[in-house]
Amino acid sequence: MISAITASTSGLLAATQRYTTAAEGIATIGTSLPGATQVDLSATAVQLLQDKASIGMNTAILKSTFESERRVLDILA
């Protein structure tokens, strides 16, 4: 069970970091200086959707793991 917690927590952290980077990229549109790096909106939108799904999936795995551990502890107690 510990490995499931570690994996889902790591997945949440990675997806959150990617989501933040993509959101910051979108936020810079219109505020960039001339010659600044352009943001590919379609790729960024896809990245945001993928990261949102990843966050939801990892959250569900984490919640399920905690519920399973609680049930095991209830049986043992």
PDB file of N, CA and C in Angstrom:
ATOM      1  N   MET A   1       0.814  -1.195   0.000  1.00  0.00           N
ATOM      2  CA  MET A   1       0.000   0.000   0.000  1.00  0.00           C
ATOM      3  C   MET A   1       0.862   1.266   0.000  1.00  0.00           C
ATOM      4  N   ILE A   2       2.010   1.190   0.648  1.00  0.00           N
ATOM      5  CA  ILE A   2       2.874   2.359   0.709  1.00  0.00           C
ATOM      6  C   ILE A   2       3.317   2.767  -0.690  1.00  0.00           C
ATOM      7  N   SER A   3       3.613   1.790  -1.561  1.00  0.00           N
ATOM      8  CA  SER A   3       4.061   2.136  -2.904  1.00  0.00           C
ATOM      9  C   SER A   3       2.948   2.831  -3.693  1.00  0.00           C
ATOM     10  N   ALA A   4       1.695   2.457  -3.455  1.00  0.00           N
ATOM     11  CA  ALA A   4       0.569   3.134  -4.124  1.00  0.00           C
ATOM     12  C   ALA A   4       0.477   4.579  -3.663  1.00  0.00           C
ATOM     13  N   ILE A   5       0.699   4.812  -2.387  1.00  0.00           N
ATOM     14  CA  ILE A   5       0.671   6.177  -1.857  1.00  0.00           C
ATOM     15  C   ILE A   5       1.821   6.985  -2.444  1.00  0.00           C
ATOM     16  N   THR A   6       2.996   6.396  -2.474  1.00  0.00           N
ATOM     17  CA  THR A   6       4.163   7.088  -3.023  1.00  0.00           C
ATOM     18  C   THR A   6       3.968   7.400  -4.505  1.00  0.00           C
ATOM     19  N   ALA A   7       3.480   6.433  -5.261  1.00  0.00           N
ATOM     20  CA  ALA A   7       3.285   6.634  -6.699  1.00  0.00           C
ATOM     21  C   ALA A   7       2.228   7.694  -6.976  1.00  0.00           C
ATOM     22  N   SER A   8       1.113   7.647  -6.265  1.00  0.00           N
ATOM     23  CA  SER A   8       0.060   8.630  -6.532  1.00  0.00           C
ATOM     24  C   SER A   8       0.462  10.022  -6.057  1.00  0.00           C
ATOM     25  N   THR A   9       1.189  10.103  -4.968  1.00  0.00           N
ATOM     26  CA  THR A   9       1.668  11.402  -4.499  1.00  0.00           C
ATOM     27  C   THR A   9       2.673  11.996  -5.485  1.00  0.00           C
ATOM     28  N   SER A  10       3.563  11.161  -5.984  1.00  0.00           N
ATOM     29  CA  SER A  10       4.532  11.627  -6.988  1.00  0.00           C
ATOM     30  C   SER A  10       3.817  12.066  -8.261  1.00  0.00           C
ATOM     31  N   GLY A  11       2.812  11.306  -8.662  1.00  0.00           N
ATOM     32  CA  GLY A  11       2.032  11.676  -9.843  1.00  0.00           C
ATOM     33  C   GLY A  11       1.303  12.989  -9.662  1.00  0.00           C
ATOM     34  N   LEU A  12       0.750  13.198  -8.470  1.00  0.00           N
ATOM     35  CA  LEU A  12       0.075  14.470  -8.169  1.00  0.00           C
ATOM     36  C   LEU A  12       1.054  15.637  -8.243  1.00  0.00           C
ATOM     37  N   LEU A  13       2.214  15.461  -7.680  1.00  0.00           N
ATOM     38  CA  LEU A  13       3.222  16.522  -7.689  1.00  0.00           C
ATOM     39  C   LEU A  13       3.658  16.860  -9.112  1.00  0.00           C
ATOM     40  N   ALA A  14       3.942  15.837  -9.907  1.00  0.00           N
ATOM     41  CA  ALA A  14       4.386  16.064 -11.284  1.00  0.00           C
ATOM     42  C   ALA A  14       3.293  16.736 -12.119  1.00  0.00           C
ATOM     43  N   ALA A  15       2.054  16.253 -11.996  1.00  0.00           N
ATOM     44  CA  ALA A  15       0.951  16.834 -12.768  1.00  0.00           C
ATOM     45  C   ALA A  15       0.681  18.268 -12.341  1.00  0.00           C
ATOM     46  N   THR A  16       0.778  18.541 -11.055  1.00  0.00           N
ATOM     47  CA  THR A  16       0.558  19.893 -10.552  1.00  0.00           C
ATOM     48  C   THR A  16       1.623  20.851 -11.080  1.00  0.00           C
ATOM     49  N   GLN A  17       2.868  20.392 -11.117  1.00  0.00           N
ATOM     50  CA  GLN A  17       3.949  21.233 -11.642  1.00  0.00           C
ATOM     51  C   GLN A  17       3.759  21.514 -13.130  1.00  0.00           C
ATOM     52  N   ARG A  18       3.377  20.473 -13.901  1.00  0.00           N
ATOM     53  CA  ARG A  18       3.138  20.682 -15.335  1.00  0.00           C
ATOM     54  C   ARG A  18       1.946  21.607 -15.556  1.00  0.00           C
ATOM     55  N   TYR A  19       0.903  21.440 -14.754  1.00  0.00           N
ATOM     56  CA  TYR A  19      -0.298  22.277 -14.864  1.00  0.00           C
ATOM     57  C   TYR A  19       0.052  23.738 -14.573  1.00  0.00           C
ATOM     58  N   THR A  20       0.853  23.960 -13.548  1.00  0.00           N
ATOM     59  CA  THR A  20       1.268  25.312 -13.187  1.00  0.00           C
ATOM     60  C   THR A  20       2.085  25.951 -14.301  1.00  0.00           C
ATOM     61  N   THR A  21       3.012  25.189 -14.882  1.00  0.00           N
ATOM     62  CA  THR A  21       3.830  25.713 -15.972  1.00  0.00           C
ATOM     63  C   THR A  21       2.968  26.084 -17.174  1.00  0.00           C
ATOM     64  N   ALA A  22       2.018  25.234 -17.514  1.00  0.00           N
ATOM     65  CA  ALA A  22       1.134  25.521 -18.649  1.00  0.00           C
ATOM     66  C   ALA A  22       0.262  26.741 -18.368  1.00  0.00           C
ATOM     67  N   ALA A  23      -0.262  26.834 -17.159  1.00  0.00           N
ATOM     68  CA  ALA A  23      -1.101  27.984 -16.798  1.00  0.00           C
ATOM     69  C   ALA A  23      -0.297  29.283 -16.822  1.00  0.00           C
ATOM     70  N   GLU A  24       0.938  29.225 -16.363  1.00  0.00           N
ATOM     71  CA  GLU A  24       1.790  30.415 -16.417  1.00  0.00           C
ATOM     72  C   GLU A  24       2.072  30.827 -17.855  1.00  0.00           C
ATOM     73  N   GLY A  25       2.233  29.841 -18.733  1.00  0.00           N
ATOM     74  CA  GLY A  25       2.455  30.136 -20.140  1.00  0.00           C
ATOM     75  C   GLY A  25       1.266  30.852 -20.760  1.00  0.00           C
ATOM     76  N   ILE A  26       0.069  30.409 -20.423  1.00  0.00           N
ATOM     77  CA  ILE A  26      -1.142  31.061 -20.928  1.00  0.00           C
ATOM     78  C   ILE A  26      -1.272  32.457 -20.344  1.00  0.00           C
ATOM     79  N   ALA A  27      -0.923  32.608 -19.079  1.00  0.00           N
ATOM     80  CA  ALA A  27      -1.047  33.914 -18.421  1.00  0.00           C
ATOM     81  C   ALA A  27      -0.117  34.962 -19.030  1.00  0.00           C
ATOM     82  N   THR A  28       0.974  34.514 -19.628  1.00  0.00           N
ATOM     83  CA  THR A  28       1.917  35.478 -20.202  1.00  0.00           C
ATOM     84  C   THR A  28       1.484  35.997 -21.567  1.00  0.00           C
ATOM     85  N   ILE A  29       0.479  35.360 -22.176  1.00  0.00           N
ATOM     86  CA  ILE A  29       0.006  35.824 -23.486  1.00  0.00           C
ATOM     87  C   ILE A  29      -0.523  37.247 -23.338  1.00  0.00           C
ATOM     88  N   GLY A  30      -0.098  38.109 -24.188  1.00  0.00           N
ATOM     89  CA  GLY A  30      -0.530  39.498 -24.144  1.00  0.00           C
ATOM     90  C   GLY A  30       0.325  40.373 -23.253  1.00  0.00           C
ATOM     91  N   THR A  31       1.122  39.756 -22.400  1.00  0.00           N
ATOM     92  CA  THR A  31       2.003  40.537 -21.528  1.00  0.00           C
ATOM     93  C   THR A  31       3.465  40.361 -21.909  1.00  0.00           C
ATOM     94  N   SER A  32       3.727  39.508 -22.892  1.00  0.00           N
ATOM     95  CA  SER A  32       5.109  39.239 -23.292  1.00  0.00           C
ATOM     96  C   SER A  32       5.693  40.420 -24.049  1.00  0.00           C
ATOM     97  N   LEU A  33       6.962  40.622 -23.859  1.00  0.00           N
ATOM     98  CA  LEU A  33       7.680  41.651 -24.608  1.00  0.00           C
ATOM     99  C   LEU A  33       7.843  41.186 -26.051  1.00  0.00           C
ATOM    100  N   PRO A  34       8.004  42.108 -26.975  1.00  0.00           N
ATOM    101  CA  PRO A  34       8.239  41.681 -28.362  1.00  0.00           C
ATOM    102  C   PRO A  34       9.428  40.740 -28.446  1.00  0.00           C
ATOM    103  N   GLY A  35       9.265  39.683 -29.218  1.00  0.00           N
ATOM    104  CA  GLY A  35      10.339  38.717 -29.372  1.00  0.00           C
ATOM    105  C   GLY A  35      10.360  37.651 -28.294  1.00  0.00           C
ATOM    106  N   ALA A  36       9.423  37.721 -27.360  1.00  0.00           N
ATOM    107  CA  ALA A  36       9.372  36.708 -26.303  1.00  0.00           C
ATOM    108  C   ALA A  36       8.880  35.391 -26.890  1.00  0.00           C
ATOM    109  N   THR A  37       9.123  34.328 -26.186  1.00  0.00           N
ATOM    110  CA  THR A  37       8.717  33.006 -26.643  1.00  0.00           C
ATOM    111  C   THR A  37       7.209  32.953 -26.803  1.00  0.00           C
ATOM    112  N   GLN A  38       6.774  32.416 -27.924  1.00  0.00           N
ATOM    113  CA  GLN A  38       5.347  32.268 -28.193  1.00  0.00           C
ATOM    114  C   GLN A  38       4.814  31.023 -27.490  1.00  0.00           C
ATOM    115  N   VAL A  39       3.545  31.065 -27.104  1.00  0.00           N
ATOM    116  CA  VAL A  39       2.902  29.937 -26.441  1.00  0.00           C
ATOM    117  C   VAL A  39       1.967  29.270 -27.442  1.00  0.00           C
ATOM    118  N   ASP A  40       2.106  27.969 -27.616  1.00  0.00           N
ATOM    119  CA  ASP A  40       1.220  27.206 -28.494  1.00  0.00           C
ATOM    120  C   ASP A  40      -0.047  26.881 -27.695  1.00  0.00           C
ATOM    121  N   LEU A  41      -1.114  27.622 -27.972  1.00  0.00           N
ATOM    122  CA  LEU A  41      -2.331  27.480 -27.176  1.00  0.00           C
ATOM    123  C   LEU A  41      -2.952  26.093 -27.271  1.00  0.00           C
ATOM    124  N   SER A  42      -2.963  25.503 -28.456  1.00  0.00           N
ATOM    125  CA  SER A  42      -3.586  24.187 -28.589  1.00  0.00           C
ATOM    126  C   SER A  42      -2.812  23.136 -27.799  1.00  0.00           C
ATOM    127  N   ALA A  43      -1.498  23.153 -27.886  1.00  0.00           N
ATOM    128  CA  ALA A  43      -0.692  22.193 -27.127  1.00  0.00           C
ATOM    129  C   ALA A  43      -0.813  22.449 -25.628  1.00  0.00           C
ATOM    130  N   THR A  44      -0.879  23.703 -25.249  1.00  0.00           N
ATOM    131  CA  THR A  44      -1.013  24.048 -23.832  1.00  0.00           C
ATOM    132  C   THR A  44      -2.371  23.624 -23.294  1.00  0.00           C
ATOM    133  N   ALA A  45      -3.424  23.810 -24.096  1.00  0.00           N
ATOM    134  CA  ALA A  45      -4.763  23.391 -23.673  1.00  0.00           C
ATOM    135  C   ALA A  45      -4.828  21.880 -23.502  1.00  0.00           C
ATOM    136  N   VAL A  46      -4.221  21.148 -24.421  1.00  0.00           N
ATOM    137  CA  VAL A  46      -4.185  19.688 -24.308  1.00  0.00           C
ATOM    138  C   VAL A  46      -3.414  19.287 -23.055  1.00  0.00           C
ATOM    139  N   GLN A  47      -2.302  19.960 -22.803  1.00  0.00           N
ATOM    140  CA  GLN A  47      -1.505  19.663 -21.599  1.00  0.00           C
ATOM    141  C   GLN A  47      -2.320  19.905 -20.331  1.00  0.00           C
ATOM    142  N   LEU A  48      -3.070  21.006 -20.287  1.00  0.00           N
ATOM    143  CA  LEU A  48      -3.901  21.299 -19.125  1.00  0.00           C
ATOM    144  C   LEU A  48      -4.947  20.211 -18.914  1.00  0.00           C
ATOM    145  N   LEU A  49      -5.583  19.763 -19.985  1.00  0.00           N
ATOM    146  CA  LEU A  49      -6.592  18.709 -19.867  1.00  0.00           C
ATOM    147  C   LEU A  49      -5.973  17.389 -19.409  1.00  0.00           C
ATOM    148  N   GLN A  50      -4.801  17.050 -19.942  1.00  0.00           N
ATOM    149  CA  GLN A  50      -4.124  15.828 -19.517  1.00  0.00           C
ATOM    150  C   GLN A  50      -3.735  15.898 -18.044  1.00  0.00           C
ATOM    151  N   ASP A  51      -3.224  17.027 -17.626  1.00  0.00           N
ATOM    152  CA  ASP A  51      -2.808  17.175 -16.236  1.00  0.00           C
ATOM    153  C   ASP A  51      -4.004  17.171 -15.298  1.00  0.00           C
ATOM    154  N   LYS A  52      -5.115  17.759 -15.724  1.00  0.00           N
ATOM    155  CA  LYS A  52      -6.335  17.734 -14.912  1.00  0.00           C
ATOM    156  C   LYS A  52      -6.799  16.289 -14.718  1.00  0.00           C
ATOM    157  N   ALA A  53      -6.781  15.503 -15.788  1.00  0.00           N
ATOM    158  CA  ALA A  53      -7.167  14.094 -15.687  1.00  0.00           C
ATOM    159  C   ALA A  53      -6.184  13.325 -14.802  1.00  0.00           C
ATOM    160  N   SER A  54      -4.899  13.615 -14.930  1.00  0.00           N
ATOM    161  CA  SER A  54      -3.889  12.946 -14.115  1.00  0.00           C
ATOM    162  C   SER A  54      -4.060  13.269 -12.631  1.00  0.00           C
ATOM    163  N   ILE A  55      -4.365  14.518 -12.342  1.00  0.00           N
ATOM    164  CA  ILE A  55      -4.592  14.913 -10.950  1.00  0.00           C
ATOM    165  C   ILE A  55      -5.812  14.178 -10.393  1.00  0.00           C
ATOM    166  N   GLY A  56      -6.878  14.120 -11.168  1.00  0.00           N
ATOM    167  CA  GLY A  56      -8.080  13.408 -10.724  1.00  0.00           C
ATOM    168  C   GLY A  56      -7.833  11.929 -10.503  1.00  0.00           C
ATOM    169  N   MET A  57      -7.098  11.301 -11.425  1.00  0.00           N
ATOM    170  CA  MET A  57      -6.807   9.882 -11.312  1.00  0.00           C
ATOM    171  C   MET A  57      -5.935   9.596 -10.095  1.00  0.00           C
ATOM    172  N   ASN A  58      -4.882  10.366  -9.907  1.00  0.00           N
ATOM    173  CA  ASN A  58      -3.991  10.144  -8.765  1.00  0.00           C
ATOM    174  C   ASN A  58      -4.680  10.425  -7.446  1.00  0.00           C
ATOM    175  N   THR A  59      -5.588  11.392  -7.431  1.00  0.00           N
ATOM    176  CA  THR A  59      -6.359  11.669  -6.222  1.00  0.00           C
ATOM    177  C   THR A  59      -7.272  10.495  -5.898  1.00  0.00           C
ATOM    178  N   ALA A  60      -7.908   9.927  -6.917  1.00  0.00           N
ATOM    179  CA  ALA A  60      -8.788   8.770  -6.708  1.00  0.00           C
ATOM    180  C   ALA A  60      -7.998   7.569  -6.196  1.00  0.00           C
ATOM    181  N   ILE A  61      -6.802   7.349  -6.743  1.00  0.00           N
ATOM    182  CA  ILE A  61      -5.961   6.241  -6.283  1.00  0.00           C
ATOM    183  C   ILE A  61      -5.557   6.450  -4.825  1.00  0.00           C
ATOM    184  N   LEU A  62      -5.164   7.657  -4.490  1.00  0.00           N
ATOM    185  CA  LEU A  62      -4.763   7.966  -3.117  1.00  0.00           C
ATOM    186  C   LEU A  62      -5.923   7.758  -2.148  1.00  0.00           C
ATOM    187  N   LYS A  63      -7.093   8.243  -2.532  1.00  0.00           N
ATOM    188  CA  LYS A  63      -8.287   8.089  -1.688  1.00  0.00           C
ATOM    189  C   LYS A  63      -8.633   6.615  -1.512  1.00  0.00           C
ATOM    190  N   SER A  64      -8.595   5.851  -2.592  1.00  0.00           N
ATOM    191  CA  SER A  64      -8.889   4.427  -2.530  1.00  0.00           C
ATOM    192  C   SER A  64      -7.895   3.680  -1.646  1.00  0.00           C
ATOM    193  N   THR A  65      -6.630   4.048  -1.749  1.00  0.00           N
ATOM    194  CA  THR A  65      -5.594   3.412  -0.930  1.00  0.00           C
ATOM    195  C   THR A  65      -5.828   3.698   0.552  1.00  0.00           C
ATOM    196  N   PHE A  66      -6.135   4.946   0.880  1.00  0.00           N
ATOM    197  CA  PHE A  66      -6.408   5.288   2.278  1.00  0.00           C
ATOM    198  C   PHE A  66      -7.634   4.552   2.817  1.00  0.00           C
ATOM    199  N   GLU A  67      -8.674   4.433   1.983  1.00  0.00           N
ATOM    200  CA  GLU A  67      -9.878   3.715   2.408  1.00  0.00           C
ATOM    201  C   GLU A  67      -9.583   2.232   2.629  1.00  0.00           C
ATOM    202  N   SER A  68      -8.761   1.646   1.765  1.00  0.00           N
ATOM    203  CA  SER A  68      -8.385   0.238   1.928  1.00  0.00           C
ATOM    204  C   SER A  68      -7.586   0.038   3.206  1.00  0.00           C
ATOM    205  N   GLU A  69      -6.651   0.929   3.472  1.00  0.00           N
ATOM    206  CA  GLU A  69      -5.867   0.830   4.704  1.00  0.00           C
ATOM    207  C   GLU A  69      -6.753   0.975   5.935  1.00  0.00           C
ATOM    208  N   ARG A  70      -7.723   1.871   5.865  1.00  0.00           N
ATOM    209  CA  ARG A  70      -8.646   2.054   6.995  1.00  0.00           C
ATOM    210  C   ARG A  70      -9.442   0.786   7.240  1.00  0.00           C
ATOM    211  N   ARG A  71      -9.905   0.133   6.163  1.00  0.00           N
ATOM    212  CA  ARG A  71     -10.669  -1.107   6.318  1.00  0.00           C
ATOM    213  C   ARG A  71      -9.807  -2.206   6.931  1.00  0.00           C
ATOM    214  N   VAL A  72      -8.560  -2.317   6.509  1.00  0.00           N
ATOM    215  CA  VAL A  72      -7.656  -3.317   7.076  1.00  0.00           C
ATOM    216  C   VAL A  72      -7.451  -3.043   8.558  1.00  0.00           C
ATOM    217  N   LEU A  73      -7.241  -1.796   8.921  1.00  0.00           N
ATOM    218  CA  LEU A  73      -7.046  -1.460  10.339  1.00  0.00           C
ATOM    219  C   LEU A  73      -8.305  -1.729  11.153  1.00  0.00           C
ATOM    220  N   ASP A  74      -9.474  -1.484  10.560  1.00  0.00           N
ATOM    221  CA  ASP A  74     -10.727  -1.802  11.259  1.00  0.00           C
ATOM    222  C   ASP A  74     -10.871  -3.296  11.497  1.00  0.00           C
ATOM    223  N   ILE A  75     -10.439  -4.098  10.538  1.00  0.00           N
ATOM    224  CA  ILE A  75     -10.512  -5.561  10.686  1.00  0.00           C
ATOM    225  C   ILE A  75      -9.561  -6.018  11.781  1.00  0.00           C
ATOM    226  N   LEU A  76      -8.375  -5.437  11.822  1.00  0.00           N
ATOM    227  CA  LEU A  76      -7.358  -5.828  12.786  1.00  0.00           C
ATOM    228  C   LEU A  76      -7.679  -5.367  14.211  1.00  0.00           C
ATOM    229  N   ALA A  77      -8.462  -4.297  14.315  1.00  0.00           N
ATOM    230  CA  ALA A  77      -8.730  -3.738  15.636  1.00  0.00           C
ATOM    231  C   ALA A  77      -9.839  -4.406  16.374  1.00  0.00           C
TER     232      ALA A  77
END
